[in-house]
Amino acid sequence: MQTSFAQIVAAQPDDAKVLVVAHGVFLSAMVDLIAPEKLPATLLKNASVTRLDVADGAWQVRGVNLTSASELAKADA
């Protein structure tokens, strides 16, 4: 799973922003690997956004299960 994301990251310029569309179970598993304390106890909502950032090889969960413009803005700050 992390290998797939690592391949996507490696194929992009350093400052690229990439959108990956994935099933909620896959995203939940990634969040659980990176920051298990941020994984909600319930399933991710349909059409929600989960933001994962990577810089210098370090992954960070910036937001999970985001569904409103204000939540997205907070994750972008």
C-alpha atoms as a PDB file:
ATOM      1  CA  MET A   1       0.000   0.000   0.000  1.00  0.00           C
ATOM      2  CA  GLN A   2       2.676   2.504   0.979  1.00  0.00           C
ATOM      3  CA  THR A   3       4.700   1.294  -1.989  1.00  0.00           C
ATOM      4  CA  SER A   4       1.903   2.372  -4.349  1.00  0.00           C
ATOM      5  CA  PHE A   5       1.808   5.847  -2.852  1.00  0.00           C
ATOM      6  CA  ALA A   6       5.615   6.038  -2.836  1.00  0.00           C
ATOM      7  CA  GLN A   7       5.654   5.268  -6.570  1.00  0.00           C
ATOM      8  CA  ILE A   8       3.131   8.044  -7.224  1.00  0.00           C
ATOM      9  CA  VAL A   9       5.188  10.506  -5.176  1.00  0.00           C
ATOM     10  CA  ALA A  10       8.450   9.491  -6.879  1.00  0.00           C
ATOM     11  CA  ALA A  11       6.956  10.114 -10.322  1.00  0.00           C
ATOM     12  CA  GLN A  12       6.092  13.760  -9.493  1.00  0.00           C
ATOM     13  CA  PRO A  13       8.149  16.951  -9.199  1.00  0.00           C
ATOM     14  CA  ASP A  14       8.965  17.849  -5.582  1.00  0.00           C
ATOM     15  CA  ASP A  15       6.386  20.663  -5.380  1.00  0.00           C
ATOM     16  CA  ALA A  16       3.553  18.790  -7.142  1.00  0.00           C
ATOM     17  CA  LYS A  17       0.048  18.472  -5.748  1.00  0.00           C
ATOM     18  CA  VAL A  18      -1.502  15.144  -6.665  1.00  0.00           C
ATOM     19  CA  LEU A  19      -5.085  13.956  -6.286  1.00  0.00           C
ATOM     20  CA  VAL A  20      -5.511  10.237  -5.699  1.00  0.00           C
ATOM     21  CA  VAL A  21      -9.031   8.825  -5.678  1.00  0.00           C
ATOM     22  CA  ALA A  22      -9.310   5.639  -3.648  1.00  0.00           C
ATOM     23  CA  HIS A  23     -11.742   3.450  -1.748  1.00  0.00           C
ATOM     24  CA  GLY A  24     -12.381   4.440   1.869  1.00  0.00           C
ATOM     25  CA  VAL A  25     -11.021   1.144   3.185  1.00  0.00           C
ATOM     26  CA  PHE A  26      -7.710   1.774   1.415  1.00  0.00           C
ATOM     27  CA  LEU A  27      -7.542   5.322   2.783  1.00  0.00           C
ATOM     28  CA  SER A  28      -8.427   4.109   6.284  1.00  0.00           C
ATOM     29  CA  ALA A  29      -5.589   1.595   6.119  1.00  0.00           C
ATOM     30  CA  MET A  30      -3.132   4.324   5.058  1.00  0.00           C
ATOM     31  CA  VAL A  31      -4.237   6.614   7.888  1.00  0.00           C
ATOM     32  CA  ASP A  32      -3.920   3.705  10.317  1.00  0.00           C
ATOM     33  CA  LEU A  33      -0.327   3.110   9.186  1.00  0.00           C
ATOM     34  CA  ILE A  34       0.674   6.777   9.372  1.00  0.00           C
ATOM     35  CA  ALA A  35      -1.298   8.130  12.351  1.00  0.00           C
ATOM     36  CA  PRO A  36      -3.649   5.564  13.908  1.00  0.00           C
ATOM     37  CA  GLU A  37      -4.896   8.083  16.476  1.00  0.00           C
ATOM     38  CA  LYS A  38      -6.478  10.120  13.650  1.00  0.00           C
ATOM     39  CA  LEU A  39      -8.524   7.227  12.247  1.00  0.00           C
ATOM     40  CA  PRO A  40     -12.242   7.631  13.048  1.00  0.00           C
ATOM     41  CA  ALA A  41     -14.059   4.773  14.744  1.00  0.00           C
ATOM     42  CA  THR A  42     -16.630   4.790  11.922  1.00  0.00           C
ATOM     43  CA  LEU A  43     -16.252   4.328   8.182  1.00  0.00           C
ATOM     44  CA  LEU A  44     -15.100   7.282   6.091  1.00  0.00           C
ATOM     45  CA  LYS A  45     -18.014   9.208   4.606  1.00  0.00           C
ATOM     46  CA  ASN A  46     -18.776   8.875   0.901  1.00  0.00           C
ATOM     47  CA  ALA A  47     -17.180  11.674  -1.127  1.00  0.00           C
ATOM     48  CA  SER A  48     -15.137  12.863   1.866  1.00  0.00           C
ATOM     49  CA  VAL A  49     -11.546  14.022   1.544  1.00  0.00           C
ATOM     50  CA  THR A  50      -8.618  12.532   3.420  1.00  0.00           C
ATOM     51  CA  ARG A  51      -5.445  14.552   3.007  1.00  0.00           C
ATOM     52  CA  LEU A  52      -2.037  12.920   3.283  1.00  0.00           C
ATOM     53  CA  ASP A  53       1.074  15.024   2.712  1.00  0.00           C
ATOM     54  CA  VAL A  54       4.616  13.834   2.185  1.00  0.00           C
ATOM     55  CA  ALA A  55       7.753  15.945   2.507  1.00  0.00           C
ATOM     56  CA  ASP A  56      11.286  14.609   2.534  1.00  0.00           C
ATOM     57  CA  GLY A  57       9.915  11.079   2.767  1.00  0.00           C
ATOM     58  CA  ALA A  58       7.875  11.794   5.912  1.00  0.00           C
ATOM     59  CA  TRP A  59       4.121  11.230   5.689  1.00  0.00           C
ATOM     60  CA  GLN A  60       1.637  13.389   7.592  1.00  0.00           C
ATOM     61  CA  VAL A  61      -2.138  13.089   7.963  1.00  0.00           C
ATOM     62  CA  ARG A  62      -3.503  16.617   7.457  1.00  0.00           C
ATOM     63  CA  GLY A  63      -7.202  15.762   7.526  1.00  0.00           C
ATOM     64  CA  VAL A  64      -9.547  12.782   7.617  1.00  0.00           C
ATOM     65  CA  ASN A  65     -13.193  12.532   6.572  1.00  0.00           C
ATOM     66  CA  LEU A  66     -13.397  16.187   5.498  1.00  0.00           C
ATOM     67  CA  THR A  67     -16.725  17.131   3.958  1.00  0.00           C
ATOM     68  CA  SER A  68     -17.069  20.920   4.162  1.00  0.00           C
ATOM     69  CA  ALA A  69     -15.195  23.857   2.697  1.00  0.00           C
ATOM     70  CA  SER A  70     -14.186  25.040   6.175  1.00  0.00           C
ATOM     71  CA  GLU A  71     -12.729  21.622   7.054  1.00  0.00           C
ATOM     72  CA  LEU A  72     -10.781  21.576   3.786  1.00  0.00           C
ATOM     73  CA  ALA A  73      -9.468  25.080   4.444  1.00  0.00           C
ATOM     74  CA  LYS A  74      -8.217  24.046   7.912  1.00  0.00           C
ATOM     75  CA  ALA A  75      -6.381  21.069   6.390  1.00  0.00           C
ATOM     76  CA  ASP A  76      -4.784  23.429   3.864  1.00  0.00           C
ATOM     77  CA  ALA A  77      -3.525  25.885   6.503  1.00  0.00           C
END
